[in-house]
């Protein structure tokens, strides 16, 4: 689920996931009415949310793969926008939720976050796939690294210094 303000952002890692993953759907919106198709999908499939909320179960390497969801929802946007998406869509709180017990350090250096557990949408998806599906995800990280490198080339030196 992508916040509408992220659609045209050049540093958008959800776009990279859409290009790289076969089973990927991008839903753009803010309110429940924007996500009716996704809600209908959730009603007939075992779907979970990857978001650290109060009832999220922690994913570890020893995750019980028998409880693997058919699909996972990620909230794409800054933390403020992701939280807004979560709060404006109470149906999300009805889904099983997961969070990571620990995270790899983010390599998404072209965006700042005050949260130490911040990952790009691509990094969160990759870490989930590594843990739950035991997938090799190095190509996803390489794709993001290439995008970060290209974005850094285009930044003025004073902006680059902040990152």
N, C-alpha and C. Protein backbone atom coordinates (compact mmCIF):
# COMPACT_ATOMS: atom_id res chain seq x y z
N UNK A 1 0.86 -1.17 0.00
CA UNK A 1 0.00 0.00 0.00
C UNK A 1 0.90 1.22 0.00
N UNK A 2 0.71 2.07 -1.00
CA UNK A 2 1.57 3.23 -1.13
C UNK A 2 0.80 4.52 -0.89
N UNK A 3 1.39 5.37 -0.07
CA UNK A 3 0.81 6.69 0.16
C UNK A 3 0.90 7.46 -1.16
N UNK A 4 -0.16 8.20 -1.54
CA UNK A 4 -0.18 8.91 -2.83
C UNK A 4 1.00 9.86 -3.05
N UNK A 5 1.52 10.44 -2.01
CA UNK A 5 2.62 11.39 -2.19
C UNK A 5 3.93 10.70 -2.57
N UNK A 6 3.98 9.38 -2.49
CA UNK A 6 5.19 8.63 -2.84
C UNK A 6 5.26 8.25 -4.32
N UNK A 7 4.15 8.35 -5.02
CA UNK A 7 4.06 7.84 -6.40
C UNK A 7 5.14 8.41 -7.31
N UNK A 8 5.35 9.69 -7.27
CA UNK A 8 6.29 10.33 -8.19
C UNK A 8 7.67 10.59 -7.59
N UNK A 9 7.91 10.06 -6.41
CA UNK A 9 9.21 10.24 -5.75
C UNK A 9 10.24 9.36 -6.45
N UNK A 10 11.31 9.96 -6.90
CA UNK A 10 12.35 9.23 -7.63
C UNK A 10 13.03 8.17 -6.76
N UNK A 11 13.03 8.37 -5.44
CA UNK A 11 13.70 7.45 -4.52
C UNK A 11 12.76 6.34 -4.02
N UNK A 12 11.73 6.07 -4.76
CA UNK A 12 10.66 5.15 -4.39
C UNK A 12 11.09 3.69 -4.60
N UNK A 13 11.30 2.95 -3.52
CA UNK A 13 11.75 1.57 -3.67
C UNK A 13 10.60 0.61 -3.97
N UNK A 14 9.37 1.01 -3.76
CA UNK A 14 8.24 0.15 -4.14
C UNK A 14 8.23 -0.04 -5.66
N UNK A 15 8.62 0.99 -6.41
CA UNK A 15 8.72 0.86 -7.87
C UNK A 15 9.74 -0.21 -8.25
N UNK A 16 10.84 -0.25 -7.51
CA UNK A 16 11.86 -1.26 -7.79
C UNK A 16 11.33 -2.66 -7.52
N UNK A 17 10.58 -2.81 -6.45
CA UNK A 17 9.97 -4.12 -6.14
C UNK A 17 9.01 -4.54 -7.25
N UNK A 18 8.22 -3.60 -7.73
CA UNK A 18 7.26 -3.90 -8.80
C UNK A 18 7.99 -4.38 -10.06
N UNK A 19 9.16 -3.84 -10.32
CA UNK A 19 9.93 -4.24 -11.49
C UNK A 19 10.59 -5.61 -11.31
N UNK A 20 10.90 -5.96 -10.07
CA UNK A 20 11.71 -7.14 -9.81
C UNK A 20 10.90 -8.39 -9.41
N UNK A 21 9.77 -8.20 -8.74
CA UNK A 21 9.03 -9.35 -8.22
C UNK A 21 7.83 -9.69 -9.11
N UNK A 22 7.67 -10.98 -9.39
CA UNK A 22 6.54 -11.42 -10.20
C UNK A 22 5.21 -11.25 -9.48
N UNK A 23 5.19 -11.62 -8.22
CA UNK A 23 3.94 -11.57 -7.44
C UNK A 23 3.93 -10.30 -6.59
N UNK A 24 3.64 -9.20 -7.23
CA UNK A 24 3.65 -7.91 -6.56
C UNK A 24 2.52 -7.05 -7.11
N UNK A 25 1.77 -6.45 -6.23
CA UNK A 25 0.72 -5.51 -6.64
C UNK A 25 0.89 -4.24 -5.83
N UNK A 26 0.75 -3.12 -6.50
CA UNK A 26 0.89 -1.83 -5.84
C UNK A 26 -0.47 -1.16 -5.78
N UNK A 27 -0.93 -0.86 -4.58
CA UNK A 27 -2.20 -0.17 -4.35
C UNK A 27 -1.89 1.20 -3.80
N UNK A 28 -2.33 2.23 -4.50
CA UNK A 28 -2.05 3.61 -4.09
C UNK A 28 -3.32 4.21 -3.52
N UNK A 29 -3.20 4.85 -2.38
CA UNK A 29 -4.35 5.51 -1.77
C UNK A 29 -4.05 5.91 -0.35
N UNK A 30 -5.11 6.35 0.30
CA UNK A 30 -4.95 6.81 1.68
C UNK A 30 -6.05 6.22 2.57
N UNK A 31 -7.26 6.17 2.08
CA UNK A 31 -8.42 5.76 2.89
C UNK A 31 -8.92 4.38 2.48
N UNK A 32 -9.73 3.81 3.33
CA UNK A 32 -10.29 2.49 3.09
C UNK A 32 -10.93 2.37 1.72
N UNK A 33 -11.65 3.39 1.29
CA UNK A 33 -12.32 3.33 -0.02
C UNK A 33 -11.32 3.19 -1.18
N UNK A 34 -10.08 3.61 -0.98
CA UNK A 34 -9.05 3.48 -2.01
C UNK A 34 -8.54 2.05 -2.15
N UNK A 35 -8.82 1.22 -1.16
CA UNK A 35 -8.23 -0.12 -1.11
C UNK A 35 -9.27 -1.24 -1.16
N UNK A 36 -10.44 -0.98 -1.73
CA UNK A 36 -11.49 -1.99 -1.75
C UNK A 36 -11.05 -3.28 -2.44
N UNK A 37 -10.32 -3.18 -3.55
CA UNK A 37 -9.84 -4.37 -4.25
C UNK A 37 -8.91 -5.19 -3.35
N UNK A 38 -8.03 -4.51 -2.64
CA UNK A 38 -7.11 -5.18 -1.73
C UNK A 38 -7.87 -5.82 -0.56
N UNK A 39 -8.84 -5.11 -0.04
CA UNK A 39 -9.65 -5.66 1.07
C UNK A 39 -10.36 -6.93 0.62
N UNK A 40 -10.91 -6.92 -0.59
CA UNK A 40 -11.57 -8.12 -1.12
C UNK A 40 -10.58 -9.27 -1.25
N UNK A 41 -9.37 -8.98 -1.67
CA UNK A 41 -8.32 -10.00 -1.77
C UNK A 41 -8.02 -10.56 -0.38
N UNK A 42 -7.95 -9.69 0.62
CA UNK A 42 -7.67 -10.12 1.99
C UNK A 42 -8.78 -11.01 2.54
N UNK A 43 -10.01 -10.78 2.10
CA UNK A 43 -11.14 -11.56 2.60
C UNK A 43 -11.12 -13.01 2.14
N UNK A 44 -10.41 -13.31 1.05
CA UNK A 44 -10.40 -14.68 0.53
C UNK A 44 -9.01 -15.32 0.59
N UNK A 45 -8.04 -14.62 1.10
CA UNK A 45 -6.67 -15.13 1.21
C UNK A 45 -6.14 -14.87 2.61
N UNK A 46 -5.13 -15.64 2.99
CA UNK A 46 -4.45 -15.43 4.27
C UNK A 46 -3.40 -14.34 4.06
N UNK A 47 -3.72 -13.13 4.45
CA UNK A 47 -2.86 -11.97 4.24
C UNK A 47 -2.43 -11.42 5.60
N UNK A 48 -1.19 -11.02 5.67
CA UNK A 48 -0.67 -10.43 6.91
C UNK A 48 -0.06 -9.06 6.59
N UNK A 49 0.16 -8.31 7.64
CA UNK A 49 0.72 -6.97 7.54
C UNK A 49 2.11 -6.97 8.17
N UNK A 50 3.08 -6.37 7.48
CA UNK A 50 4.40 -6.20 8.05
C UNK A 50 4.47 -4.77 8.54
N UNK A 51 4.24 -4.61 9.84
CA UNK A 51 4.20 -3.28 10.45
C UNK A 51 4.29 -3.45 11.96
N UNK A 52 5.17 -2.72 12.62
CA UNK A 52 5.35 -2.89 14.07
C UNK A 52 4.25 -2.22 14.89
N UNK A 53 3.15 -2.93 15.08
CA UNK A 53 2.07 -2.40 15.91
C UNK A 53 1.99 -3.19 17.22
N UNK A 54 1.02 -2.86 18.05
CA UNK A 54 0.96 -3.45 19.39
C UNK A 54 0.67 -4.96 19.40
N UNK A 55 0.09 -5.51 18.35
CA UNK A 55 -0.20 -6.94 18.33
C UNK A 55 0.64 -7.71 17.30
N UNK A 56 1.69 -7.08 16.79
CA UNK A 56 2.55 -7.73 15.80
C UNK A 56 3.37 -8.84 16.44
N UNK A 57 3.42 -9.97 15.76
CA UNK A 57 4.27 -11.08 16.19
C UNK A 57 5.66 -10.85 15.62
N UNK A 58 6.64 -11.25 16.37
CA UNK A 58 8.01 -11.05 15.95
C UNK A 58 8.47 -12.18 15.04
N UNK A 59 9.03 -11.80 13.89
CA UNK A 59 9.60 -12.76 12.95
C UNK A 59 11.04 -13.04 13.34
N UNK A 60 11.38 -14.29 13.42
CA UNK A 60 12.76 -14.68 13.69
C UNK A 60 13.16 -15.72 12.65
N UNK A 61 14.41 -16.03 12.61
CA UNK A 61 14.91 -17.06 11.68
C UNK A 61 14.18 -18.38 11.93
N UNK A 62 13.76 -18.61 13.16
CA UNK A 62 13.08 -19.85 13.51
C UNK A 62 11.57 -19.75 13.28
N UNK A 63 11.13 -18.81 12.47
CA UNK A 63 9.70 -18.59 12.23
C UNK A 63 9.00 -19.88 11.83
N UNK A 64 7.80 -20.07 12.36
CA UNK A 64 6.99 -21.24 12.04
C UNK A 64 6.43 -21.08 10.62
N UNK A 65 7.01 -21.78 9.69
CA UNK A 65 6.64 -21.62 8.29
C UNK A 65 5.25 -22.19 7.97
N UNK A 66 4.68 -22.94 8.90
CA UNK A 66 3.32 -23.45 8.70
C UNK A 66 2.31 -22.30 8.74
N UNK A 67 2.67 -21.19 9.37
CA UNK A 67 1.78 -20.04 9.48
C UNK A 67 2.07 -18.99 8.41
N UNK A 68 2.77 -19.38 7.37
CA UNK A 68 3.17 -18.44 6.32
C UNK A 68 1.94 -17.89 5.61
N UNK A 69 1.84 -16.57 5.50
CA UNK A 69 0.70 -15.97 4.79
C UNK A 69 0.81 -16.15 3.28
N UNK A 70 -0.33 -16.05 2.60
CA UNK A 70 -0.35 -16.10 1.14
C UNK A 70 0.22 -14.81 0.55
N UNK A 71 0.07 -13.73 1.29
CA UNK A 71 0.56 -12.42 0.83
C UNK A 71 0.86 -11.56 2.05
N UNK A 72 1.72 -10.60 1.85
CA UNK A 72 2.08 -9.66 2.90
C UNK A 72 1.85 -8.24 2.41
N UNK A 73 1.34 -7.41 3.29
CA UNK A 73 1.13 -6.00 2.97
C UNK A 73 2.24 -5.19 3.63
N UNK A 74 2.84 -4.31 2.84
CA UNK A 74 3.82 -3.35 3.35
C UNK A 74 3.25 -1.97 3.13
N UNK A 75 3.53 -1.06 4.04
CA UNK A 75 3.06 0.32 3.93
C UNK A 75 4.21 1.16 3.41
N UNK A 76 4.04 1.74 2.23
CA UNK A 76 5.12 2.47 1.57
C UNK A 76 4.97 3.97 1.74
N UNK A 77 5.95 4.56 2.36
CA UNK A 77 5.97 6.00 2.60
C UNK A 77 6.92 6.28 3.74
N UNK A 78 7.09 7.53 4.09
CA UNK A 78 7.87 7.86 5.28
C UNK A 78 7.17 7.22 6.48
N UNK A 79 7.84 7.17 7.63
CA UNK A 79 7.17 6.60 8.82
C UNK A 79 5.90 7.36 9.15
N UNK A 80 5.94 8.66 8.99
CA UNK A 80 4.74 9.47 9.27
C UNK A 80 3.60 9.08 8.33
N UNK A 81 3.90 8.90 7.06
CA UNK A 81 2.88 8.53 6.08
C UNK A 81 2.41 7.09 6.26
N UNK A 82 3.33 6.19 6.60
CA UNK A 82 2.95 4.80 6.85
C UNK A 82 2.02 4.71 8.06
N UNK A 83 2.34 5.46 9.11
CA UNK A 83 1.49 5.49 10.30
C UNK A 83 0.12 6.05 9.95
N UNK A 84 0.09 7.07 9.12
CA UNK A 84 -1.18 7.64 8.67
C UNK A 84 -1.99 6.61 7.91
N UNK A 85 -1.35 5.87 7.00
CA UNK A 85 -2.05 4.81 6.27
C UNK A 85 -2.64 3.78 7.24
N UNK A 86 -1.85 3.39 8.22
CA UNK A 86 -2.32 2.41 9.20
C UNK A 86 -3.52 2.94 9.99
N UNK A 87 -3.43 4.18 10.43
CA UNK A 87 -4.50 4.77 11.24
C UNK A 87 -5.78 5.05 10.44
N UNK A 88 -5.64 5.38 9.17
CA UNK A 88 -6.82 5.67 8.33
C UNK A 88 -7.50 4.41 7.79
N UNK A 89 -6.88 3.27 8.02
CA UNK A 89 -7.41 2.00 7.51
C UNK A 89 -7.53 0.99 8.64
N UNK A 90 -8.60 1.13 9.45
CA UNK A 90 -8.73 0.25 10.62
C UNK A 90 -8.81 -1.23 10.28
N UNK A 91 -9.18 -1.58 9.07
CA UNK A 91 -9.21 -2.98 8.66
C UNK A 91 -7.83 -3.63 8.74
N UNK A 92 -6.77 -2.83 8.63
CA UNK A 92 -5.41 -3.38 8.73
C UNK A 92 -5.15 -3.98 10.12
N UNK A 93 -5.75 -3.39 11.14
CA UNK A 93 -5.52 -3.89 12.50
C UNK A 93 -6.18 -5.24 12.73
N UNK A 94 -7.06 -5.66 11.83
CA UNK A 94 -7.70 -6.97 11.93
C UNK A 94 -6.85 -8.08 11.32
N UNK A 95 -5.83 -7.70 10.56
CA UNK A 95 -4.95 -8.69 9.93
C UNK A 95 -3.88 -9.15 10.91
N UNK A 96 -3.40 -10.38 10.75
CA UNK A 96 -2.22 -10.77 11.52
C UNK A 96 -1.07 -9.82 11.16
N UNK A 97 -0.27 -9.45 12.13
CA UNK A 97 0.82 -8.51 11.89
C UNK A 97 2.15 -9.11 12.32
N UNK A 98 3.18 -8.71 11.60
CA UNK A 98 4.53 -9.15 11.92
C UNK A 98 5.46 -7.96 12.01
N UNK A 99 6.50 -8.14 12.79
CA UNK A 99 7.60 -7.19 12.88
C UNK A 99 8.87 -8.01 13.00
N UNK A 100 10.01 -7.39 12.77
CA UNK A 100 11.28 -8.09 12.86
C UNK A 100 11.81 -8.06 14.28
N UNK A 101 12.48 -9.14 14.70
CA UNK A 101 13.13 -9.12 16.02
C UNK A 101 14.38 -8.27 15.98
N UNK A 102 15.03 -8.25 14.85
CA UNK A 102 16.17 -7.36 14.63
C UNK A 102 16.20 -7.08 13.14
N UNK A 103 16.83 -6.01 12.78
CA UNK A 103 16.88 -5.67 11.36
C UNK A 103 18.32 -5.47 10.93
N UNK A 104 18.54 -5.73 9.67
CA UNK A 104 19.83 -5.39 9.08
C UNK A 104 19.91 -3.87 9.02
N UNK A 105 21.11 -3.33 9.11
CA UNK A 105 21.25 -1.89 9.00
C UNK A 105 20.85 -1.45 7.60
N UNK A 106 20.06 -0.41 7.52
CA UNK A 106 19.57 0.07 6.24
C UNK A 106 20.70 0.62 5.38
N UNK A 107 20.67 0.24 4.13
CA UNK A 107 21.61 0.78 3.14
C UNK A 107 20.95 1.88 2.31
N UNK A 108 19.75 2.24 2.70
CA UNK A 108 18.97 3.25 1.97
C UNK A 108 19.36 4.62 2.52
N UNK A 109 20.53 5.06 2.14
CA UNK A 109 21.15 6.23 2.75
C UNK A 109 20.66 7.55 2.20
N UNK A 110 19.76 7.53 1.23
CA UNK A 110 19.30 8.79 0.64
C UNK A 110 18.00 9.29 1.24
N UNK A 111 17.56 8.63 2.28
CA UNK A 111 16.42 9.12 3.05
C UNK A 111 16.78 9.01 4.51
N UNK A 112 16.37 10.00 5.27
CA UNK A 112 16.66 10.03 6.70
C UNK A 112 15.42 9.60 7.48
N UNK A 113 15.67 8.95 8.59
CA UNK A 113 14.60 8.61 9.52
C UNK A 113 15.16 8.68 10.93
N UNK A 114 14.33 9.14 11.84
CA UNK A 114 14.77 9.20 13.23
C UNK A 114 14.64 7.85 13.92
N UNK A 115 14.00 6.89 13.26
CA UNK A 115 13.82 5.55 13.84
C UNK A 115 15.00 4.66 13.48
N UNK A 116 15.59 4.04 14.48
CA UNK A 116 16.73 3.16 14.22
C UNK A 116 16.32 1.90 13.47
N UNK A 117 15.04 1.55 13.53
CA UNK A 117 14.56 0.33 12.87
C UNK A 117 14.00 0.60 11.48
N UNK A 118 14.31 1.75 10.91
CA UNK A 118 13.79 2.10 9.60
C UNK A 118 14.48 1.34 8.48
N UNK A 119 13.67 0.82 7.60
CA UNK A 119 14.13 0.18 6.38
C UNK A 119 13.35 0.76 5.22
N UNK A 120 13.93 0.71 4.05
CA UNK A 120 13.14 1.06 2.87
C UNK A 120 12.10 -0.05 2.67
N UNK A 121 11.11 0.22 1.86
CA UNK A 121 10.09 -0.79 1.56
C UNK A 121 10.76 -2.01 0.93
N UNK A 122 11.72 -1.76 0.05
CA UNK A 122 12.44 -2.86 -0.59
C UNK A 122 13.20 -3.69 0.44
N UNK A 123 13.89 -3.04 1.36
CA UNK A 123 14.64 -3.77 2.38
C UNK A 123 13.72 -4.58 3.29
N UNK A 124 12.58 -4.01 3.65
CA UNK A 124 11.62 -4.74 4.49
C UNK A 124 11.10 -5.97 3.77
N UNK A 125 10.77 -5.81 2.49
CA UNK A 125 10.29 -6.95 1.70
C UNK A 125 11.37 -8.01 1.59
N UNK A 126 12.60 -7.58 1.32
CA UNK A 126 13.70 -8.53 1.18
C UNK A 126 13.95 -9.29 2.48
N UNK A 127 13.95 -8.58 3.60
CA UNK A 127 14.19 -9.25 4.88
C UNK A 127 13.06 -10.24 5.19
N UNK A 128 11.82 -9.86 4.88
CA UNK A 128 10.70 -10.78 5.07
C UNK A 128 10.88 -12.03 4.21
N UNK A 129 11.23 -11.85 2.95
CA UNK A 129 11.44 -12.99 2.04
C UNK A 129 12.59 -13.89 2.50
N UNK A 130 13.62 -13.29 3.06
CA UNK A 130 14.75 -14.06 3.58
C UNK A 130 14.31 -14.94 4.75
N UNK A 131 13.53 -14.37 5.65
CA UNK A 131 13.13 -15.10 6.86
C UNK A 131 12.03 -16.11 6.57
N UNK A 132 10.97 -15.67 5.93
CA UNK A 132 9.79 -16.52 5.79
C UNK A 132 9.90 -17.50 4.62
N UNK A 133 10.41 -17.04 3.49
CA UNK A 133 10.50 -17.91 2.31
C UNK A 133 11.91 -18.43 2.06
N UNK A 134 12.85 -17.99 2.88
CA UNK A 134 14.25 -18.38 2.76
C UNK A 134 14.77 -18.13 1.34
N UNK A 135 14.42 -16.98 0.80
CA UNK A 135 14.83 -16.58 -0.55
C UNK A 135 16.19 -15.90 -0.53
N UNK A 136 16.87 -16.00 -1.63
CA UNK A 136 18.11 -15.26 -1.87
C UNK A 136 17.68 -13.90 -2.42
N UNK A 137 18.02 -12.84 -1.72
CA UNK A 137 17.52 -11.51 -2.09
C UNK A 137 18.63 -10.52 -2.45
N UNK A 138 19.83 -11.01 -2.67
CA UNK A 138 20.94 -10.09 -2.95
C UNK A 138 20.67 -9.23 -4.18
N UNK A 139 19.95 -9.75 -5.16
CA UNK A 139 19.65 -8.94 -6.35
C UNK A 139 18.77 -7.73 -6.01
N UNK A 140 17.87 -7.89 -5.05
CA UNK A 140 17.05 -6.75 -4.62
C UNK A 140 17.92 -5.66 -4.00
N UNK A 141 18.83 -6.07 -3.13
CA UNK A 141 19.72 -5.10 -2.49
C UNK A 141 20.63 -4.42 -3.52
N UNK A 142 21.09 -5.17 -4.50
CA UNK A 142 21.93 -4.60 -5.56
C UNK A 142 21.14 -3.57 -6.36
N UNK A 143 19.90 -3.87 -6.64
CA UNK A 143 19.04 -2.95 -7.38
C UNK A 143 18.89 -1.64 -6.61
N UNK A 144 18.63 -1.74 -5.32
CA UNK A 144 18.51 -0.53 -4.50
C UNK A 144 19.83 0.22 -4.43
N UNK A 145 20.93 -0.50 -4.27
CA UNK A 145 22.24 0.15 -4.20
C UNK A 145 22.53 0.93 -5.49
N UNK A 146 22.16 0.36 -6.62
CA UNK A 146 22.35 1.06 -7.89
C UNK A 146 21.51 2.32 -7.97
N UNK A 147 20.28 2.25 -7.50
CA UNK A 147 19.41 3.42 -7.50
C UNK A 147 19.95 4.50 -6.56
N UNK A 148 20.43 4.09 -5.39
CA UNK A 148 21.00 5.05 -4.44
C UNK A 148 22.21 5.74 -5.07
N UNK A 149 23.08 4.96 -5.70
CA UNK A 149 24.27 5.51 -6.35
C UNK A 149 23.89 6.54 -7.42
N UNK A 150 22.91 6.22 -8.24
CA UNK A 150 22.48 7.13 -9.31
C UNK A 150 21.85 8.40 -8.74
N UNK A 151 21.07 8.26 -7.67
CA UNK A 151 20.45 9.43 -7.04
C UNK A 151 21.51 10.33 -6.41
N UNK A 152 22.53 9.72 -5.81
CA UNK A 152 23.60 10.51 -5.19
C UNK A 152 24.37 11.32 -6.24
N UNK A 153 24.53 10.77 -7.43
CA UNK A 153 25.22 11.50 -8.50
C UNK A 153 24.50 12.79 -8.86
N UNK A 154 23.19 12.79 -8.70
CA UNK A 154 22.37 13.93 -9.11
C UNK A 154 22.18 14.97 -8.01
N UNK A 155 22.62 14.65 -6.81
CA UNK A 155 22.42 15.56 -5.69
C UNK A 155 23.48 16.64 -5.66
N UNK A 156 23.10 17.88 -5.36
CA UNK A 156 24.11 18.92 -5.13
C UNK A 156 24.97 18.53 -3.91
N UNK A 157 26.18 18.98 -3.88
CA UNK A 157 27.13 18.62 -2.82
C UNK A 157 26.60 18.95 -1.42
N UNK A 158 25.92 20.09 -1.25
CA UNK A 158 25.41 20.44 0.07
C UNK A 158 24.30 19.50 0.53
N UNK A 159 23.51 19.01 -0.39
CA UNK A 159 22.47 18.03 -0.06
C UNK A 159 23.11 16.68 0.24
N UNK A 160 24.06 16.28 -0.59
CA UNK A 160 24.77 15.02 -0.42
C UNK A 160 25.41 14.93 0.97
N UNK A 161 25.94 16.05 1.44
CA UNK A 161 26.62 16.08 2.74
C UNK A 161 25.68 15.70 3.89
N UNK A 162 24.39 15.96 3.74
CA UNK A 162 23.42 15.63 4.80
C UNK A 162 23.19 14.12 4.89
N UNK A 163 23.53 13.39 3.84
CA UNK A 163 23.31 11.95 3.82
C UNK A 163 24.60 11.20 4.04
